[in-house]
Amino acid sequence: MQVSDSSSRILAGLLEARTGQQLTMSRRWRIETALSSLLKARGIATLDELITILVMGREPALANLVVEALLNNETYFFRDRQPFDLLSTKFLPALATARHAKKHLKIWSAGCSTGQEPYSLAMLFADEALKWQGWTIDILGTDVSTAVVDRARAGTYTQFEVQRGLGINQMIRWFAETDDGWRAAEALRRQVRFQVHNILESAPHPGQFDVILCRNVLLYLSPEKRTAAFERLAAALAPDGALMLGAGETVIGQTTRFAADRETRGLYRLIAGSNADRRELRSA
């Protein structure tokens, strides 16, 4: 299945218009792989035929399926492990001291895909249950894709997916094999809630998150949209909270809202005074 330049441009434009994400030239090789199953299922012979259907608007729902297929939903449990160790050993203990009176933490996993990251966070707290006894831990996972959010809510994974990042003890403790795959235990699913959300929109309720994980999401945005996303993230973060990005992402040259944490490498903090217009951003 050959992908013409015109077809690539139209599909890239559709993806960016619907999600804000760019399908750069270096990523357009994914088009054929991402759409092959959809074309086969719908009996569409070529990408040019698909483009014709989309442009003529004969099947509006098809455009949504195309966008869903083009999104990069790569994820796995405890992805890159080090960020979770950093939270567990450094930032969360400090945050526990700061929030001791209220005993309430709010964590947002933005761009959570099929849910492995927020479920990993839930396991992190469950592994130290005594330390967090009496606390309310609100973990929210969001993604622009309705399909992956539905999968995240179900909490059911294939054998391959459940083995990625989990040790055998964690697998046995937190997942049970069913006819549909390996399903997260109810106790784990109760710790996490999910909703469809685009990080270019106002932050989901409730705002003032103590920790925001937005890993490997911003790199798919144009520089202008990336700056706008940082504005939204800044408006949603508590003044003493922390933002975590992916290993290949940075705030340098992207935003004036955040700076690298001097004490904890890998975390980003709000620059003093940068949230003065939080209310204005929320109402925009």
Protein backbone atom coordinates (compact mmCIF):
# COMPACT_ATOMS: atom_id res chain seq x y z
CA MET A 1 0.00 0.00 0.00
CA GLN A 2 1.75 3.12 -1.25
CA VAL A 3 1.22 6.38 0.58
CA SER A 4 1.20 9.40 -1.72
CA ASP A 5 2.38 12.81 -0.56
CA SER A 6 -1.11 14.25 -0.95
CA SER A 7 -2.66 11.45 1.12
CA SER A 8 0.00 11.92 3.81
CA ARG A 9 -0.68 15.66 3.99
CA ILE A 10 -4.45 15.18 4.27
CA LEU A 11 -4.13 12.56 7.00
CA ALA A 12 -1.57 14.65 8.87
CA GLY A 13 -3.90 17.64 8.67
CA LEU A 14 -6.83 15.59 9.97
CA LEU A 15 -4.79 14.32 12.94
CA GLU A 16 -3.55 17.78 13.89
CA ALA A 17 -7.00 19.36 13.51
CA ARG A 18 -8.61 16.75 15.77
CA THR A 19 -5.87 16.29 18.40
CA GLY A 20 -3.20 18.96 17.99
CA GLN A 21 -0.62 16.27 17.30
CA GLN A 22 1.66 16.50 14.31
CA LEU A 23 2.41 13.65 11.94
CA THR A 24 5.84 14.87 10.89
CA MET A 25 7.66 13.58 7.84
CA SER A 26 9.83 11.38 10.05
CA ARG A 27 6.70 9.68 11.43
CA ARG A 28 4.68 9.29 8.25
CA TRP A 29 6.09 5.82 7.71
CA ARG A 30 3.56 4.77 10.39
CA ILE A 31 0.57 5.55 8.18
CA GLU A 32 0.58 2.29 6.25
CA THR A 33 0.99 0.13 9.37
CA ALA A 34 -1.49 2.11 11.45
CA LEU A 35 -4.29 2.08 8.89
CA SER A 36 -3.90 -1.35 7.27
CA SER A 37 -6.24 -3.12 9.70
CA LEU A 38 -8.87 -0.38 9.42
CA LEU A 39 -8.82 -0.47 5.62
CA LYS A 40 -9.15 -4.25 5.62
CA ALA A 41 -12.03 -4.19 8.10
CA ARG A 42 -13.92 -1.56 6.09
CA GLY A 43 -13.18 -3.14 2.71
CA ILE A 44 -11.28 -0.10 1.45
CA ALA A 45 -8.67 -1.05 -1.15
CA THR A 46 -6.28 1.92 -1.05
CA LEU A 47 -5.41 5.01 0.96
CA ASP A 48 -6.51 7.17 -1.95
CA GLU A 49 -9.97 5.57 -1.73
CA LEU A 50 -9.98 6.27 2.00
CA ILE A 51 -9.07 9.90 1.38
CA THR A 52 -11.90 10.23 -1.14
CA ILE A 53 -14.40 8.95 1.42
CA LEU A 54 -13.07 11.31 4.07
CA VAL A 55 -13.06 14.37 1.81
CA MET A 56 -16.59 13.69 0.54
CA GLY A 57 -17.82 13.30 4.11
CA ARG A 58 -19.84 10.17 3.34
CA GLU A 59 -18.84 8.45 6.59
CA PRO A 60 -18.20 10.99 9.39
CA ALA A 61 -17.46 8.24 11.92
CA LEU A 62 -14.67 6.95 9.72
CA ALA A 63 -12.61 10.09 10.33
CA ASN A 64 -12.67 9.36 14.07
CA LEU A 65 -11.46 5.80 13.46
CA VAL A 66 -8.64 7.08 11.27
CA VAL A 67 -7.50 9.55 13.94
CA GLU A 68 -7.65 6.84 16.62
CA ALA A 69 -5.51 4.56 14.46
CA LEU A 70 -2.91 7.24 13.76
CA LEU A 71 -2.32 8.11 17.42
CA ASN A 72 0.80 6.67 19.00
CA ASN A 73 -0.39 4.73 22.05
CA GLU A 74 2.89 3.10 23.02
CA THR A 75 3.04 2.49 26.78
CA TYR A 76 3.75 -0.19 29.36
CA PHE A 77 3.72 -0.67 33.11
CA PHE A 78 6.37 1.27 35.04
CA ARG A 79 7.73 2.60 31.75
CA ASP A 80 11.41 3.57 32.09
CA ARG A 81 11.13 2.64 35.80
CA GLN A 82 13.48 5.44 36.99
CA PRO A 83 10.73 8.11 37.06
CA PHE A 84 8.63 5.94 39.36
CA ASP A 85 11.61 5.32 41.65
CA LEU A 86 12.22 9.07 41.72
CA LEU A 87 8.64 9.74 42.78
CA SER A 88 8.61 6.98 45.36
CA THR A 89 11.91 7.75 47.06
CA LYS A 90 12.22 11.53 46.73
CA PHE A 91 9.24 13.61 45.73
CA LEU A 92 6.28 11.77 47.25
CA PRO A 93 7.83 11.58 50.75
CA ALA A 94 8.44 15.33 50.65
CA LEU A 95 4.92 15.89 49.39
CA ALA A 96 3.53 13.69 52.17
CA THR A 97 5.12 16.02 54.71
CA ALA A 98 3.69 19.10 53.02
CA ARG A 99 0.19 17.56 52.76
CA HIS A 100 0.18 15.83 56.14
CA ALA A 101 -2.68 17.92 57.54
CA LYS A 102 -5.07 17.27 54.65
CA LYS A 103 -3.83 13.77 53.72
CA HIS A 104 -5.01 14.24 50.16
CA LEU A 105 -2.99 13.95 46.95
CA LYS A 106 -4.16 14.59 43.40
CA ILE A 107 -2.14 13.13 40.53
CA TRP A 108 -2.78 13.55 36.82
CA SER A 109 -1.42 11.20 34.17
CA ALA A 110 -1.90 13.17 30.95
CA GLY A 111 -1.74 11.16 27.74
CA CYS A 112 -2.19 7.92 29.67
CA SER A 113 -3.00 5.76 26.63
CA THR A 114 -4.40 2.37 27.72
CA GLY A 115 -3.84 3.10 31.39
CA GLN A 116 -0.60 1.41 32.34
CA GLU A 117 0.94 4.58 33.78
CA PRO A 118 -1.90 5.48 36.21
CA TYR A 119 -2.25 1.84 37.25
CA SER A 120 1.51 1.78 37.88
CA LEU A 121 1.08 4.81 40.13
CA ALA A 122 -1.73 3.04 41.99
CA MET A 123 0.55 0.04 42.54
CA LEU A 124 3.26 2.38 43.80
CA PHE A 125 1.00 3.61 46.58
CA ALA A 126 -0.40 0.14 47.29
CA ASP A 127 3.10 -1.24 47.80
CA GLU A 128 3.51 1.26 50.66
CA ALA A 129 0.01 0.95 52.06
CA LEU A 130 0.99 1.56 55.68
CA LYS A 131 2.71 4.83 54.81
CA TRP A 132 -0.39 6.08 52.99
CA GLN A 133 -3.01 4.68 55.36
CA GLY A 134 -5.73 7.27 55.94
CA TRP A 135 -4.82 9.24 52.81
CA THR A 136 -7.05 9.99 49.83
CA ILE A 137 -5.06 9.41 46.66
CA ASP A 138 -6.87 10.69 43.58
CA ILE A 139 -5.25 9.40 40.38
CA LEU A 140 -6.68 10.66 37.10
CA GLY A 141 -5.69 9.29 33.71
CA THR A 142 -6.63 11.19 30.56
CA ASP A 143 -6.11 10.74 26.85
CA VAL A 144 -7.40 12.33 23.66
CA SER A 145 -8.40 8.88 22.33
CA THR A 146 -11.80 7.55 23.34
CA ALA A 147 -10.81 4.01 22.36
CA VAL A 148 -7.78 3.82 24.65
CA VAL A 149 -9.63 5.46 27.54
CA ASP A 150 -12.31 2.77 27.23
CA ARG A 151 -9.60 0.13 27.38
CA ALA A 152 -7.99 1.81 30.36
CA ARG A 153 -11.29 1.83 32.26
CA ALA A 154 -11.76 -1.87 31.55
CA GLY A 155 -8.27 -2.56 32.89
CA THR A 156 -7.87 -5.69 30.76
CA TYR A 157 -4.59 -6.46 29.00
CA THR A 158 -3.09 -9.14 26.82
CA GLN A 159 -0.46 -11.53 28.11
CA PHE A 160 2.20 -9.49 26.32
CA GLU A 161 0.97 -6.18 27.73
CA VAL A 162 0.68 -7.35 31.31
CA GLN A 163 4.20 -8.78 31.26
CA ARG A 164 5.78 -5.54 30.05
CA GLY A 165 7.23 -3.84 33.11
CA LEU A 166 5.70 -6.09 35.75
CA GLY A 167 7.42 -8.74 37.81
CA ILE A 168 5.72 -12.08 38.36
CA ASN A 169 4.72 -11.15 41.92
CA GLN A 170 3.03 -7.94 40.76
CA MET A 171 1.25 -9.82 38.00
CA ILE A 172 -0.14 -12.39 40.40
CA ARG A 173 -1.06 -9.82 43.04
CA TRP A 174 -2.79 -7.26 40.86
CA PHE A 175 -4.11 -9.14 37.83
CA ALA A 176 -6.35 -12.13 37.26
CA GLU A 177 -6.56 -14.11 34.03
CA THR A 178 -9.98 -14.00 32.39
CA ASP A 179 -11.43 -15.13 29.07
CA ASP A 180 -10.71 -11.62 27.71
CA GLY A 181 -7.17 -11.33 29.05
CA TRP A 182 -5.54 -10.24 32.29
CA ARG A 183 -7.77 -7.86 34.26
CA ALA A 184 -6.59 -5.48 36.96
CA ALA A 185 -7.94 -6.25 40.42
CA GLU A 186 -10.98 -4.27 41.50
CA ALA A 187 -8.98 -2.73 44.37
CA LEU A 188 -6.54 -1.34 41.82
CA ARG A 189 -9.23 -0.11 39.43
CA ARG A 190 -10.97 1.74 42.26
CA GLN A 191 -7.83 3.82 42.78
CA VAL A 192 -7.86 5.29 39.26
CA ARG A 193 -10.41 7.18 37.20
CA PHE A 194 -10.21 7.96 33.50
CA GLN A 195 -11.65 10.52 31.11
CA VAL A 196 -11.19 11.73 27.54
CA HIS A 197 -9.27 14.99 27.51
CA ASN A 198 -6.94 16.98 25.26
CA ILE A 199 -4.09 18.76 27.04
CA LEU A 200 -4.68 21.77 24.80
CA GLU A 201 -7.99 22.27 26.60
CA SER A 202 -8.59 23.58 30.12
CA ALA A 203 -7.46 21.16 32.80
CA PRO A 204 -9.86 18.43 33.91
CA HIS A 205 -11.63 18.67 37.25
CA PRO A 206 -10.34 19.04 39.86
CA GLY A 207 -7.44 21.37 39.14
CA GLN A 208 -4.51 22.02 41.46
CA PHE A 209 -2.82 18.67 40.93
CA ASP A 210 0.13 17.86 43.17
CA VAL A 211 1.89 15.83 40.47
CA ILE A 212 1.35 15.87 36.72
CA LEU A 213 2.93 13.24 34.51
CA CYS A 214 2.93 14.27 30.86
CA ARG A 215 5.52 11.96 29.38
CA ASN A 216 6.20 11.58 25.66
CA VAL A 217 3.14 13.63 24.70
CA LEU A 218 4.41 17.15 24.03
CA LEU A 219 7.01 15.98 21.52
CA TYR A 220 4.19 15.29 19.05
CA LEU A 221 2.96 18.90 19.15
CA SER A 222 4.10 21.87 17.11
CA PRO A 223 6.18 24.46 19.02
CA GLU A 224 3.18 26.80 19.26
CA LYS A 225 0.84 24.10 20.56
CA ARG A 226 3.53 22.83 22.92
CA THR A 227 3.76 26.28 24.49
CA ALA A 228 -0.03 26.36 24.82
CA ALA A 229 0.02 22.92 26.46
CA PHE A 230 2.58 24.10 29.01
CA GLU A 231 0.23 26.98 29.83
CA ARG A 232 -2.57 24.52 30.54
CA LEU A 233 -0.33 22.29 32.62
CA ALA A 234 0.93 25.25 34.63
CA ALA A 235 -2.62 26.37 35.35
CA ALA A 236 -3.48 22.90 36.65
CA LEU A 237 -0.47 22.42 38.95
CA ALA A 238 -0.36 23.27 42.64
CA PRO A 239 2.24 25.98 43.42
CA ASP A 240 4.53 23.46 45.14
CA GLY A 241 3.66 20.58 42.81
CA ALA A 242 5.86 18.97 40.17
CA LEU A 243 5.62 18.18 36.46
CA MET A 244 7.29 15.11 35.02
CA LEU A 245 8.09 14.93 31.30
CA GLY A 246 9.49 12.16 29.13
CA ALA A 247 13.21 11.52 28.96
CA GLY A 248 13.51 13.24 25.58
CA GLU A 249 11.45 16.30 26.53
CA THR A 250 12.43 19.58 28.12
CA VAL A 251 11.03 22.97 29.11
CA ILE A 252 14.09 24.82 27.81
CA GLY A 253 13.06 27.19 25.04
CA GLN A 254 9.47 25.92 25.25
CA THR A 255 7.87 27.82 28.11
CA THR A 256 8.45 30.50 30.71
CA ARG A 257 6.21 28.72 33.21
CA PHE A 258 8.51 25.91 34.32
CA ALA A 259 12.12 25.37 35.32
CA ALA A 260 14.03 22.21 36.14
CA ASP A 261 13.99 21.26 39.82
CA ARG A 262 17.47 21.94 41.16
CA GLU A 263 17.30 19.15 43.72
CA THR A 264 15.42 16.44 41.87
CA ARG A 265 16.55 15.82 38.33
CA GLY A 266 13.68 14.85 36.06
CA LEU A 267 11.07 17.06 37.71
CA TYR A 268 9.98 20.55 36.74
CA ARG A 269 8.61 23.23 39.05
CA LEU A 270 6.53 26.33 38.45
CA ILE A 271 8.54 29.52 38.21
CA ALA A 272 7.52 31.83 41.06
CA GLY A 273 4.60 34.03 40.07
CA SER A 274 3.90 32.15 36.85
CA ASN A 275 0.42 31.13 37.90
CA ALA A 276 -0.97 34.58 38.53
CA ASP A 277 -3.35 34.20 35.60
CA ARG A 278 -4.50 30.65 36.36
CA ARG A 279 -8.14 31.68 36.62
CA GLU A 280 -8.03 33.41 33.26
CA LEU A 281 -6.60 30.30 31.62
CA ARG A 282 -9.22 28.04 33.14
CA SER A 283 -12.02 30.16 31.80
CA ALA A 284 -10.50 30.51 28.33
